[in-house]
Amino acid sequence: MRERQAHSADDRTRSEPSTNNFALSVAGARRKGRGASPSAQAQLIHLVDALIEHYVSWREECAAVASSYENWSRAESGDRALAFSAYVAALDREELAATRYRRLIAEIAQV
């Protein structure tokens, strides 16, 4: 049981995003918007709004991973398979949310 708790903390640490990366992405978008045409500024505003939404979605999925891991680690033997399936599904959703977030950051970097 002690091993699982330590592993859980390790998983959460790996899932922790870098707030600096988020702030740098938004700051970079702001710099790009300075002196840009009104339509380019509108596009950047839209992208930054989407970036915030993607970030929040990713963080929600990170929390779901932590919760489902805890549920799996505490599940009774008869419920472990289902709890593990829920954990794997949560990992898949978190990976998808992280990918969407990363792609949007790359898109903003290209603007």
Protein backbone atom coordinates (compact mmCIF):
# COMPACT_ATOMS: atom_id res chain seq x y z
CA MET A 1 0.00 0.00 0.00
CA ARG A 2 2.85 2.39 0.80
CA GLU A 3 4.33 1.86 -2.67
CA ARG A 4 1.10 2.84 -4.37
CA GLN A 5 0.86 6.08 -2.41
CA ALA A 6 4.42 7.03 -3.35
CA HIS A 7 3.70 6.15 -6.98
CA SER A 8 0.58 8.28 -6.88
CA ALA A 9 2.54 11.31 -5.71
CA ASP A 10 5.07 10.70 -8.48
CA ASP A 11 2.29 10.60 -11.07
CA ARG A 12 0.84 13.86 -9.83
CA THR A 13 4.26 15.49 -9.96
CA ARG A 14 4.71 14.44 -13.57
CA SER A 15 1.26 15.78 -14.43
CA GLU A 16 1.91 19.17 -12.89
CA PRO A 17 2.10 21.74 -15.66
CA SER A 18 4.62 24.48 -15.79
CA THR A 19 2.75 27.67 -15.03
CA ASN A 20 5.71 29.50 -16.53
CA ASN A 21 5.08 27.86 -19.92
CA PHE A 22 1.46 29.00 -19.84
CA ALA A 23 2.41 32.55 -18.86
CA LEU A 24 5.13 32.65 -21.51
CA SER A 25 2.66 31.51 -24.17
CA VAL A 26 0.18 34.23 -23.27
CA ALA A 27 2.93 36.86 -22.99
CA GLY A 28 4.32 35.82 -26.37
CA ALA A 29 0.89 36.15 -27.95
CA ARG A 30 0.50 39.62 -26.44
CA ARG A 31 3.86 40.71 -27.85
CA LYS A 32 2.88 39.43 -31.27
CA GLY A 33 -0.36 41.38 -31.07
CA ARG A 34 1.33 44.72 -30.52
CA GLY A 35 1.39 46.71 -33.74
CA ALA A 36 -0.60 44.04 -35.58
CA SER A 37 -3.62 44.79 -37.71
CA PRO A 38 -7.04 44.74 -36.00
CA SER A 39 -7.90 41.42 -37.69
CA ALA A 40 -4.59 39.87 -36.55
CA GLN A 41 -5.21 41.15 -33.02
CA ALA A 42 -8.71 39.64 -33.08
CA GLN A 43 -7.24 36.31 -34.18
CA LEU A 44 -4.70 36.40 -31.36
CA ILE A 45 -7.40 37.24 -28.81
CA HIS A 46 -9.38 34.25 -30.05
CA LEU A 47 -6.29 32.02 -29.82
CA VAL A 48 -5.46 33.18 -26.28
CA ASP A 49 -9.07 32.56 -25.20
CA ALA A 50 -8.83 29.06 -26.68
CA LEU A 51 -5.45 28.57 -24.98
CA ILE A 52 -6.98 29.34 -21.59
CA GLU A 53 -9.86 26.95 -22.26
CA HIS A 54 -7.46 24.18 -23.32
CA TYR A 55 -5.29 24.77 -20.27
CA VAL A 56 -8.27 24.54 -17.92
CA SER A 57 -9.49 21.37 -19.67
CA TRP A 58 -6.06 19.81 -19.32
CA ARG A 59 -5.88 20.66 -15.60
CA GLU A 60 -9.34 19.19 -15.04
CA GLU A 61 -8.23 15.98 -16.73
CA CYS A 62 -5.06 15.94 -14.57
CA ALA A 63 -7.27 16.10 -11.49
CA ALA A 64 -9.43 13.29 -12.88
CA VAL A 65 -6.31 11.13 -13.35
CA ALA A 66 -5.27 11.69 -9.74
CA SER A 67 -8.76 10.91 -8.49
CA SER A 68 -9.17 7.77 -10.58
CA TYR A 69 -5.73 6.54 -9.52
CA GLU A 70 -6.71 6.93 -5.89
CA ASN A 71 -9.98 5.09 -6.57
CA TRP A 72 -8.08 2.26 -8.25
CA SER A 73 -5.49 2.01 -5.49
CA ARG A 74 -8.23 1.76 -2.86
CA ALA A 75 -10.62 -0.49 -4.79
CA GLU A 76 -11.72 -3.81 -3.37
CA SER A 77 -10.44 -6.84 -5.29
CA GLY A 78 -13.75 -7.33 -7.11
CA ASP A 79 -13.77 -3.72 -8.33
CA ARG A 80 -10.11 -3.35 -9.29
CA ALA A 81 -10.51 -4.21 -12.97
CA LEU A 82 -13.26 -1.63 -13.44
CA ALA A 83 -11.34 0.97 -11.42
CA PHE A 84 -8.22 0.31 -13.50
CA SER A 85 -10.23 0.76 -16.70
CA ALA A 86 -11.51 4.08 -15.40
CA TYR A 87 -7.93 5.11 -14.57
CA VAL A 88 -6.69 4.21 -18.07
CA ALA A 89 -9.60 6.13 -19.62
CA ALA A 90 -8.71 9.16 -17.48
CA LEU A 91 -5.09 8.91 -18.64
CA ASP A 92 -6.27 8.82 -22.26
CA ARG A 93 -8.44 11.91 -21.75
CA GLU A 94 -5.59 13.75 -20.04
CA GLU A 95 -3.22 12.87 -22.89
CA LEU A 96 -5.72 14.13 -25.45
CA ALA A 97 -6.24 17.38 -23.53
CA ALA A 98 -2.47 17.87 -23.20
CA THR A 99 -2.03 17.27 -26.93
CA ARG A 100 -4.70 19.82 -27.79
CA TYR A 101 -3.06 22.35 -25.48
CA ARG A 102 0.41 21.70 -26.91
CA ARG A 103 -0.83 22.02 -30.49
CA LEU A 104 -2.49 25.34 -29.76
CA ILE A 105 0.72 26.65 -28.20
CA ALA A 106 2.56 25.63 -31.36
CA GLU A 107 -0.10 27.35 -33.48
CA ILE A 108 0.25 30.57 -31.49
CA ALA A 109 4.03 30.40 -31.87
CA GLN A 110 3.57 30.30 -35.67
CA VAL A 111 1.35 33.41 -35.79
